[in-house]
PDB file of N, CA and C in Angstrom:
ATOM      1  N   UNK A   1      19.945  -1.855   0.396  1.00  0.00           N
ATOM      2  CA  UNK A   1      18.753  -1.059   0.745  1.00  0.00           C
ATOM      3  C   UNK A   1      17.527  -1.603  -0.083  1.00  0.00           C
ATOM      4  N   UNK A   2      16.466  -1.883   0.680  1.00  0.00           N
ATOM      5  CA  UNK A   2      15.324  -2.373   0.022  1.00  0.00           C
ATOM      6  C   UNK A   2      14.407  -1.228  -0.399  1.00  0.00           C
ATOM      7  N   UNK A   3      13.668  -1.453  -1.513  1.00  0.00           N
ATOM      8  CA  UNK A   3      12.781  -0.431  -2.024  1.00  0.00           C
ATOM      9  C   UNK A   3      11.508  -1.121  -2.498  1.00  0.00           C
ATOM     10  N   UNK A   4      10.514  -0.310  -2.698  1.00  0.00           N
ATOM     11  CA  UNK A   4       9.134  -0.652  -3.099  1.00  0.00           C
ATOM     12  C   UNK A   4       8.951   0.147  -4.386  1.00  0.00           C
ATOM     13  N   UNK A   5       8.424  -0.441  -5.444  1.00  0.00           N
ATOM     14  CA  UNK A   5       8.209   0.256  -6.725  1.00  0.00           C
ATOM     15  C   UNK A   5       6.825  -0.068  -7.215  1.00  0.00           C
ATOM     16  N   UNK A   6       6.040   1.033  -7.475  1.00  0.00           N
ATOM     17  CA  UNK A   6       4.716   0.906  -7.953  1.00  0.00           C
ATOM     18  C   UNK A   6       4.819   1.219  -9.492  1.00  0.00           C
ATOM     19  N   UNK A   7       4.323   0.286 -10.307  1.00  0.00           N
ATOM     20  CA  UNK A   7       4.334   0.371 -11.762  1.00  0.00           C
ATOM     21  C   UNK A   7       2.996   0.475 -12.377  1.00  0.00           C
ATOM     22  N   UNK A   8       2.845   1.311 -13.435  1.00  0.00           N
ATOM     23  CA  UNK A   8       1.680   1.186 -14.314  1.00  0.00           C
ATOM     24  C   UNK A   8       2.189   1.384 -15.697  1.00  0.00           C
ATOM     25  N   UNK A   9       2.066   0.311 -16.435  1.00  0.00           N
ATOM     26  CA  UNK A   9       2.455   0.349 -17.921  1.00  0.00           C
ATOM     27  C   UNK A   9       1.240   0.510 -18.770  1.00  0.00           C
ATOM     28  N   UNK A  10       1.381   1.476 -19.736  1.00  0.00           N
ATOM     29  CA  UNK A  10       0.239   1.899 -20.605  1.00  0.00           C
ATOM     30  C   UNK A  10       0.795   1.890 -22.027  1.00  0.00           C
ATOM     31  N   UNK A  11       0.763   0.804 -22.770  1.00  0.00           N
ATOM     32  CA  UNK A  11       1.074   0.830 -24.161  1.00  0.00           C
ATOM     33  C   UNK A  11      -0.078   1.603 -24.938  1.00  0.00           C
ATOM     34  N   UNK A  12       0.283   2.547 -25.805  1.00  0.00           N
ATOM     35  CA  UNK A  12      -0.680   3.328 -26.452  1.00  0.00           C
ATOM     36  C   UNK A  12      -1.047   2.803 -27.795  1.00  0.00           C
ATOM     37  N   UNK A  13      -1.708   1.712 -27.785  1.00  0.00           N
ATOM     38  CA  UNK A  13      -2.155   1.019 -29.039  1.00  0.00           C
ATOM     39  C   UNK A  13      -3.312   0.117 -28.681  1.00  0.00           C
ATOM     40  N   UNK A  14      -3.997  -0.308 -29.678  1.00  0.00           N
ATOM     41  CA  UNK A  14      -5.221  -1.075 -29.541  1.00  0.00           C
ATOM     42  C   UNK A  14      -5.042  -2.377 -28.860  1.00  0.00           C
ATOM     43  N   UNK A  15      -3.964  -3.146 -29.107  1.00  0.00           N
ATOM     44  CA  UNK A  15      -3.736  -4.465 -28.495  1.00  0.00           C
ATOM     45  C   UNK A  15      -2.837  -4.305 -27.266  1.00  0.00           C
ATOM     46  N   UNK A  16      -3.126  -3.384 -26.455  1.00  0.00           N
ATOM     47  CA  UNK A  16      -2.322  -3.112 -25.205  1.00  0.00           C
ATOM     48  C   UNK A  16      -2.341  -4.166 -24.203  1.00  0.00           C
ATOM     49  N   UNK A  17      -3.480  -4.872 -24.069  1.00  0.00           N
ATOM     50  CA  UNK A  17      -3.670  -5.836 -22.972  1.00  0.00           C
ATOM     51  C   UNK A  17      -2.579  -6.875 -22.867  1.00  0.00           C
ATOM     52  N   UNK A  18      -2.276  -7.533 -24.052  1.00  0.00           N
ATOM     53  CA  UNK A  18      -1.250  -8.636 -24.045  1.00  0.00           C
ATOM     54  C   UNK A  18       0.021  -8.111 -23.704  1.00  0.00           C
ATOM     55  N   UNK A  19       0.373  -6.890 -24.017  1.00  0.00           N
ATOM     56  CA  UNK A  19       1.713  -6.326 -23.644  1.00  0.00           C
ATOM     57  C   UNK A  19       1.841  -6.195 -22.174  1.00  0.00           C
ATOM     58  N   UNK A  20       0.785  -5.660 -21.546  1.00  0.00           N
ATOM     59  CA  UNK A  20       0.723  -5.566 -20.090  1.00  0.00           C
ATOM     60  C   UNK A  20       0.785  -6.849 -19.390  1.00  0.00           C
ATOM     61  N   UNK A  21       0.027  -7.826 -19.867  1.00  0.00           N
ATOM     62  CA  UNK A  21       0.103  -9.150 -19.287  1.00  0.00           C
ATOM     63  C   UNK A  21       1.487  -9.830 -19.383  1.00  0.00           C
ATOM     64  N   UNK A  22       2.137  -9.662 -20.510  1.00  0.00           N
ATOM     65  CA  UNK A  22       3.438 -10.174 -20.681  1.00  0.00           C
ATOM     66  C   UNK A  22       4.494  -9.487 -19.725  1.00  0.00           C
ATOM     67  N   UNK A  23       4.343  -8.224 -19.588  1.00  0.00           N
ATOM     68  CA  UNK A  23       5.200  -7.483 -18.695  1.00  0.00           C
ATOM     69  C   UNK A  23       5.048  -8.011 -17.220  1.00  0.00           C
ATOM     70  N   UNK A  24       3.731  -8.091 -16.873  1.00  0.00           N
ATOM     71  CA  UNK A  24       3.523  -8.628 -15.404  1.00  0.00           C
ATOM     72  C   UNK A  24       4.033 -10.056 -15.254  1.00  0.00           C
ATOM     73  N   UNK A  25       3.855 -10.900 -16.248  1.00  0.00           N
ATOM     74  CA  UNK A  25       4.289 -12.255 -16.114  1.00  0.00           C
ATOM     75  C   UNK A  25       5.798 -12.406 -15.967  1.00  0.00           C
ATOM     76  N   UNK A  26       6.484 -11.494 -16.714  1.00  0.00           N
ATOM     77  CA  UNK A  26       8.034 -11.448 -16.530  1.00  0.00           C
ATOM     78  C   UNK A  26       8.414 -11.009 -15.120  1.00  0.00           C
ATOM     79  N   UNK A  27       7.647 -10.007 -14.561  1.00  0.00           N
ATOM     80  CA  UNK A  27       7.927  -9.559 -13.188  1.00  0.00           C
ATOM     81  C   UNK A  27       7.586 -10.739 -12.193  1.00  0.00           C
ATOM     82  N   UNK A  28       6.515 -11.422 -12.361  1.00  0.00           N
ATOM     83  CA  UNK A  28       6.139 -12.497 -11.483  1.00  0.00           C
ATOM     84  C   UNK A  28       7.185 -13.615 -11.531  1.00  0.00           C
ATOM     85  N   UNK A  29       7.919 -13.805 -12.675  1.00  0.00           N
ATOM     86  CA  UNK A  29       8.839 -14.964 -12.793  1.00  0.00           C
ATOM     87  C   UNK A  29      10.212 -14.533 -12.231  1.00  0.00           C
ATOM     88  N   UNK A  30      10.305 -13.297 -11.712  1.00  0.00           N
ATOM     89  CA  UNK A  30      11.612 -12.852 -11.219  1.00  0.00           C
ATOM     90  C   UNK A  30      11.809 -13.371  -9.765  1.00  0.00           C
ATOM     91  N   UNK A  31      12.936 -13.116  -9.140  1.00  0.00           N
ATOM     92  CA  UNK A  31      13.268 -13.390  -7.813  1.00  0.00           C
ATOM     93  C   UNK A  31      12.547 -12.498  -6.839  1.00  0.00           C
ATOM     94  N   UNK A  32      11.875 -11.483  -7.268  1.00  0.00           N
ATOM     95  CA  UNK A  32      11.398 -10.368  -6.403  1.00  0.00           C
ATOM     96  C   UNK A  32       9.934 -10.682  -5.996  1.00  0.00           C
ATOM     97  N   UNK A  33       9.577 -10.051  -4.892  1.00  0.00           N
ATOM     98  CA  UNK A  33       8.144 -10.116  -4.447  1.00  0.00           C
ATOM     99  C   UNK A  33       7.315  -9.152  -5.338  1.00  0.00           C
ATOM    100  N   UNK A  34       6.252  -9.677  -5.912  1.00  0.00           N
ATOM    101  CA  UNK A  34       5.398  -8.918  -6.760  1.00  0.00           C
ATOM    102  C   UNK A  34       3.939  -9.026  -6.254  1.00  0.00           C
ATOM    103  N   UNK A  35       3.249  -7.874  -6.106  1.00  0.00           N
ATOM    104  CA  UNK A  35       1.892  -7.814  -5.698  1.00  0.00           C
ATOM    105  C   UNK A  35       1.092  -6.992  -6.723  1.00  0.00           C
ATOM    106  N   UNK A  36      -0.093  -7.389  -7.051  1.00  0.00           N
ATOM    107  CA  UNK A  36      -0.854  -6.660  -8.097  1.00  0.00           C
ATOM    108  C   UNK A  36      -2.201  -6.181  -7.543  1.00  0.00           C
ATOM    109  N   UNK A  37      -2.697  -5.167  -8.117  1.00  0.00           N
ATOM    110  CA  UNK A  37      -4.105  -4.717  -7.907  1.00  0.00           C
ATOM    111  C   UNK A  37      -4.695  -4.314  -9.264  1.00  0.00           C
ATOM    112  N   UNK A  38      -5.933  -3.914  -9.351  1.00  0.00           N
ATOM    113  CA  UNK A  38      -6.413  -3.571 -10.679  1.00  0.00           C
ATOM    114  C   UNK A  38      -5.814  -2.347 -11.418  1.00  0.00           C
ATOM    115  N   UNK A  39      -5.073  -1.507 -10.672  1.00  0.00           N
ATOM    116  CA  UNK A  39      -4.539  -0.327 -11.193  1.00  0.00           C
ATOM    117  C   UNK A  39      -3.042  -0.306 -11.457  1.00  0.00           C
ATOM    118  N   UNK A  40      -2.376  -1.147 -10.713  1.00  0.00           N
ATOM    119  CA  UNK A  40      -0.843  -1.167 -10.801  1.00  0.00           C
ATOM    120  C   UNK A  40      -0.347  -2.415 -10.306  1.00  0.00           C
ATOM    121  N   UNK A  41       1.015  -2.540 -10.446  1.00  0.00           N
ATOM    122  CA  UNK A  41       1.780  -3.724  -9.984  1.00  0.00           C
ATOM    123  C   UNK A  41       2.894  -3.157  -9.117  1.00  0.00           C
ATOM    124  N   UNK A  42       3.080  -3.826  -7.899  1.00  0.00           N
ATOM    125  CA  UNK A  42       4.210  -3.424  -7.102  1.00  0.00           C
ATOM    126  C   UNK A  42       5.228  -4.475  -7.116  1.00  0.00           C
ATOM    127  N   UNK A  43       6.516  -4.128  -7.052  1.00  0.00           N
ATOM    128  CA  UNK A  43       7.565  -5.039  -6.971  1.00  0.00           C
ATOM    129  C   UNK A  43       8.587  -4.473  -5.885  1.00  0.00           C
ATOM    130  N   UNK A  44       9.125  -5.493  -5.113  1.00  0.00           N
ATOM    131  CA  UNK A  44       9.878  -5.178  -3.926  1.00  0.00           C
ATOM    132  C   UNK A  44      11.201  -5.899  -3.962  1.00  0.00           C
ATOM    133  N   UNK A  45      12.253  -5.251  -3.501  1.00  0.00           N
ATOM    134  CA  UNK A  45      13.506  -5.958  -3.406  1.00  0.00           C
ATOM    135  C   UNK A  45      14.656  -4.933  -3.233  1.00  0.00           C
ATOM    136  N   UNK A  46      15.887  -5.575  -3.236  1.00  0.00           N
ATOM    137  CA  UNK A  46      17.101  -4.752  -3.056  1.00  0.00           C
ATOM    138  C   UNK A  46      17.333  -3.913  -4.260  1.00  0.00           C
ATOM    139  N   UNK A  47      17.610  -2.584  -4.053  1.00  0.00           N
ATOM    140  CA  UNK A  47      17.738  -1.575  -5.136  1.00  0.00           C
ATOM    141  C   UNK A  47      18.902  -2.019  -6.141  1.00  0.00           C
ATOM    142  N   UNK A  48      19.943  -2.627  -5.704  1.00  0.00           N
ATOM    143  CA  UNK A  48      21.083  -2.967  -6.531  1.00  0.00           C
ATOM    144  C   UNK A  48      20.772  -4.094  -7.514  1.00  0.00           C
ATOM    145  N   UNK A  49      19.745  -4.952  -7.073  1.00  0.00           N
ATOM    146  CA  UNK A  49      19.351  -6.051  -7.951  1.00  0.00           C
ATOM    147  C   UNK A  49      18.093  -5.666  -8.721  1.00  0.00           C
ATOM    148  N   UNK A  50      17.193  -4.963  -8.029  1.00  0.00           N
ATOM    149  CA  UNK A  50      15.855  -4.695  -8.694  1.00  0.00           C
ATOM    150  C   UNK A  50      15.974  -3.668  -9.879  1.00  0.00           C
ATOM    151  N   UNK A  51      16.779  -2.638  -9.776  1.00  0.00           N
ATOM    152  CA  UNK A  51      16.782  -1.634 -10.755  1.00  0.00           C
ATOM    153  C   UNK A  51      17.342  -2.087 -12.070  1.00  0.00           C
ATOM    154  N   UNK A  52      18.470  -2.873 -12.096  1.00  0.00           N
ATOM    155  CA  UNK A  52      18.920  -3.426 -13.343  1.00  0.00           C
ATOM    156  C   UNK A  52      17.976  -4.409 -14.045  1.00  0.00           C
ATOM    157  N   UNK A  53      17.290  -5.180 -13.127  1.00  0.00           N
ATOM    158  CA  UNK A  53      16.247  -6.073 -13.707  1.00  0.00           C
ATOM    159  C   UNK A  53      15.131  -5.282 -14.303  1.00  0.00           C
ATOM    160  N   UNK A  54      14.614  -4.221 -13.635  1.00  0.00           N
ATOM    161  CA  UNK A  54      13.580  -3.459 -14.205  1.00  0.00           C
ATOM    162  C   UNK A  54      13.947  -2.726 -15.424  1.00  0.00           C
ATOM    163  N   UNK A  55      15.191  -2.221 -15.561  1.00  0.00           N
ATOM    164  CA  UNK A  55      15.711  -1.574 -16.750  1.00  0.00           C
ATOM    165  C   UNK A  55      15.632  -2.549 -17.936  1.00  0.00           C
ATOM    166  N   UNK A  56      16.096  -3.776 -17.729  1.00  0.00           N
ATOM    167  CA  UNK A  56      16.019  -4.731 -18.708  1.00  0.00           C
ATOM    168  C   UNK A  56      14.551  -5.044 -19.208  1.00  0.00           C
ATOM    169  N   UNK A  57      13.644  -5.180 -18.295  1.00  0.00           N
ATOM    170  CA  UNK A  57      12.308  -5.563 -18.629  1.00  0.00           C
ATOM    171  C   UNK A  57      11.521  -4.368 -19.186  1.00  0.00           C
ATOM    172  N   UNK A  58      11.867  -3.143 -18.804  1.00  0.00           N
ATOM    173  CA  UNK A  58      11.220  -1.920 -19.370  1.00  0.00           C
ATOM    174  C   UNK A  58      11.646  -1.805 -20.787  1.00  0.00           C
ATOM    175  N   UNK A  59      13.017  -1.966 -21.067  1.00  0.00           N
ATOM    176  CA  UNK A  59      13.496  -1.891 -22.372  1.00  0.00           C
ATOM    177  C   UNK A  59      12.810  -2.918 -23.381  1.00  0.00           C
ATOM    178  N   UNK A  60      12.720  -4.160 -22.730  1.00  0.00           N
ATOM    179  CA  UNK A  60      12.133  -5.220 -23.560  1.00  0.00           C
ATOM    180  C   UNK A  60      10.674  -4.918 -23.887  1.00  0.00           C
ATOM    181  N   UNK A  61       9.968  -4.319 -22.907  1.00  0.00           N
ATOM    182  CA  UNK A  61       8.517  -3.990 -23.129  1.00  0.00           C
ATOM    183  C   UNK A  61       8.401  -2.893 -24.130  1.00  0.00           C
ATOM    184  N   UNK A  62       9.288  -1.859 -24.049  1.00  0.00           N
ATOM    185  CA  UNK A  62       9.258  -0.701 -24.958  1.00  0.00           C
ATOM    186  C   UNK A  62       9.592  -1.114 -26.362  1.00  0.00           C
ATOM    187  N   UNK A  63      10.437  -2.086 -26.523  1.00  0.00           N
ATOM    188  CA  UNK A  63      10.745  -2.601 -27.902  1.00  0.00           C
ATOM    189  C   UNK A  63       9.612  -3.251 -28.605  1.00  0.00           C
ATOM    190  N   UNK A  64       8.549  -3.784 -27.796  1.00  0.00           N
ATOM    191  CA  UNK A  64       7.489  -4.484 -28.355  1.00  0.00           C
ATOM    192  C   UNK A  64       6.404  -3.611 -28.950  1.00  0.00           C
ATOM    193  N   UNK A  65       6.382  -2.298 -28.587  1.00  0.00           N
ATOM    194  CA  UNK A  65       5.339  -1.435 -28.977  1.00  0.00           C
ATOM    195  C   UNK A  65       5.908  -0.144 -29.523  1.00  0.00           C
ATOM    196  N   UNK A  66       5.055   0.647 -30.271  1.00  0.00           N
ATOM    197  CA  UNK A  66       5.510   1.841 -30.926  1.00  0.00           C
ATOM    198  C   UNK A  66       5.635   2.953 -29.873  1.00  0.00           C
ATOM    199  N   UNK A  67       4.613   3.066 -28.971  1.00  0.00           N
ATOM    200  CA  UNK A  67       4.597   4.091 -27.985  1.00  0.00           C
ATOM    201  C   UNK A  67       4.055   3.553 -26.676  1.00  0.00           C
ATOM    202  N   UNK A  68       4.682   3.790 -25.572  1.00  0.00           N
ATOM    203  CA  UNK A  68       4.233   3.352 -24.303  1.00  0.00           C
ATOM    204  C   UNK A  68       4.561   4.256 -23.189  1.00  0.00           C
ATOM    205  N   UNK A  69       3.717   4.319 -22.180  1.00  0.00           N
ATOM    206  CA  UNK A  69       4.002   5.168 -20.988  1.00  0.00           C
ATOM    207  C   UNK A  69       4.146   4.240 -19.838  1.00  0.00           C
ATOM    208  N   UNK A  70       5.119   4.512 -18.967  1.00  0.00           N
ATOM    209  CA  UNK A  70       5.378   3.789 -17.759  1.00  0.00           C
ATOM    210  C   UNK A  70       5.457   4.732 -16.605  1.00  0.00           C
ATOM    211  N   UNK A  71       4.539   4.606 -15.704  1.00  0.00           N
ATOM    212  CA  UNK A  71       4.525   5.478 -14.457  1.00  0.00           C
ATOM    213  C   UNK A  71       5.229   4.622 -13.374  1.00  0.00           C
ATOM    214  N   UNK A  72       6.082   5.275 -12.628  1.00  0.00           N
ATOM    215  CA  UNK A  72       6.834   4.467 -11.548  1.00  0.00           C
ATOM    216  C   UNK A  72       6.974   5.346 -10.390  1.00  0.00           C
ATOM    217  N   UNK A  73       6.659   4.824  -9.206  1.00  0.00           N
ATOM    218  CA  UNK A  73       6.845   5.463  -7.928  1.00  0.00           C
ATOM    219  C   UNK A  73       7.751   4.535  -7.119  1.00  0.00           C
ATOM    220  N   UNK A  74       8.837   5.136  -6.550  1.00  0.00           N
ATOM    221  CA  UNK A  74       9.787   4.370  -5.697  1.00  0.00           C
ATOM    222  C   UNK A  74       9.751   4.901  -4.260  1.00  0.00           C
ATOM    223  N   UNK A  75       9.631   3.948  -3.400  1.00  0.00           N
ATOM    224  CA  UNK A  75       9.732   4.273  -1.901  1.00  0.00           C
ATOM    225  C   UNK A  75      10.832   3.593  -1.362  1.00  0.00           C
ATOM    226  N   UNK A  76      11.551   4.310  -0.518  1.00  0.00           N
ATOM    227  CA  UNK A  76      12.811   3.779   0.064  1.00  0.00           C
ATOM    228  C   UNK A  76      12.526   2.965   1.313  1.00  0.00           C
ATOM    229  N   UNK A  77      11.880   1.834   1.134  1.00  0.00           N
ATOM    230  CA  UNK A  77      11.608   0.785   2.156  1.00  0.00           C
ATOM    231  C   UNK A  77      10.853  -0.292   1.534  1.00  0.00           C
ATOM    232  N   UNK A  78      10.912  -1.391   2.115  1.00  0.00           N
ATOM    233  CA  UNK A  78      10.024  -2.610   1.613  1.00  0.00           C
ATOM    234  C   UNK A  78       8.722  -2.487   2.297  1.00  0.00           C
ATOM    235  N   UNK A  79       7.732  -2.216   1.505  1.00  0.00           N
ATOM    236  CA  UNK A  79       6.326  -2.092   2.041  1.00  0.00           C
ATOM    237  C   UNK A  79       5.453  -3.294   1.660  1.00  0.00           C
ATOM    238  N   UNK A  80       6.062  -4.386   1.244  1.00  0.00           N
ATOM    239  CA  UNK A  80       5.267  -5.591   0.788  1.00  0.00           C
ATOM    240  C   UNK A  80       4.387  -6.176   1.885  1.00  0.00           C
ATOM    241  N   UNK A  81       4.709  -5.852   3.127  1.00  0.00           N
ATOM    242  CA  UNK A  81       3.899  -6.473   4.258  1.00  0.00           C
ATOM    243  C   UNK A  81       2.858  -5.472   4.713  1.00  0.00           C
ATOM    244  N   UNK A  82       2.647  -4.360   4.112  1.00  0.00           N
ATOM    245  CA  UNK A  82       1.818  -3.347   4.599  1.00  0.00           C
ATOM    246  C   UNK A  82       0.333  -3.868   4.582  1.00  0.00           C
ATOM    247  N   UNK A  83      -0.342  -3.596   5.744  1.00  0.00           N
ATOM    248  CA  UNK A  83      -1.731  -3.820   5.843  1.00  0.00           C
ATOM    249  C   UNK A  83      -2.319  -2.654   6.510  1.00  0.00           C
ATOM    250  N   UNK A  84      -3.429  -2.078   5.998  1.00  0.00           N
ATOM    251  CA  UNK A  84      -4.064  -0.890   6.564  1.00  0.00           C
ATOM    252  C   UNK A  84      -4.587  -1.316   7.999  1.00  0.00           C
ATOM    253  N   UNK A  85      -4.540  -0.412   8.921  1.00  0.00           N
ATOM    254  CA  UNK A  85      -5.085  -0.668  10.266  1.00  0.00           C
ATOM    255  C   UNK A  85      -6.251   0.216  10.592  1.00  0.00           C
ATOM    256  N   UNK A  86      -7.024   0.513   9.597  1.00  0.00           N
ATOM    257  CA  UNK A  86      -8.166   1.366   9.834  1.00  0.00           C
ATOM    258  C   UNK A  86      -9.425   0.693   9.312  1.00  0.00           C
TER     259      UNK A  86
END
């Protein structure tokens, strides 16, 4: 089953930017489709492969900072080819 996940990582510290950049770079270097916009990052793939990968990367990111918030929305379909028609 393919899924789409929208992620927003917010480390709660002054040097947050590099932590966000490192997280996104690790997502980009994965086997999954990754799209970005100014507010969030989307990642697309098979649920059985994507969720273990994300768990590993979220843990890694959380270990790098004292406090961090991660917002995640999951859609049960691959929306990577979505284009608005309006």
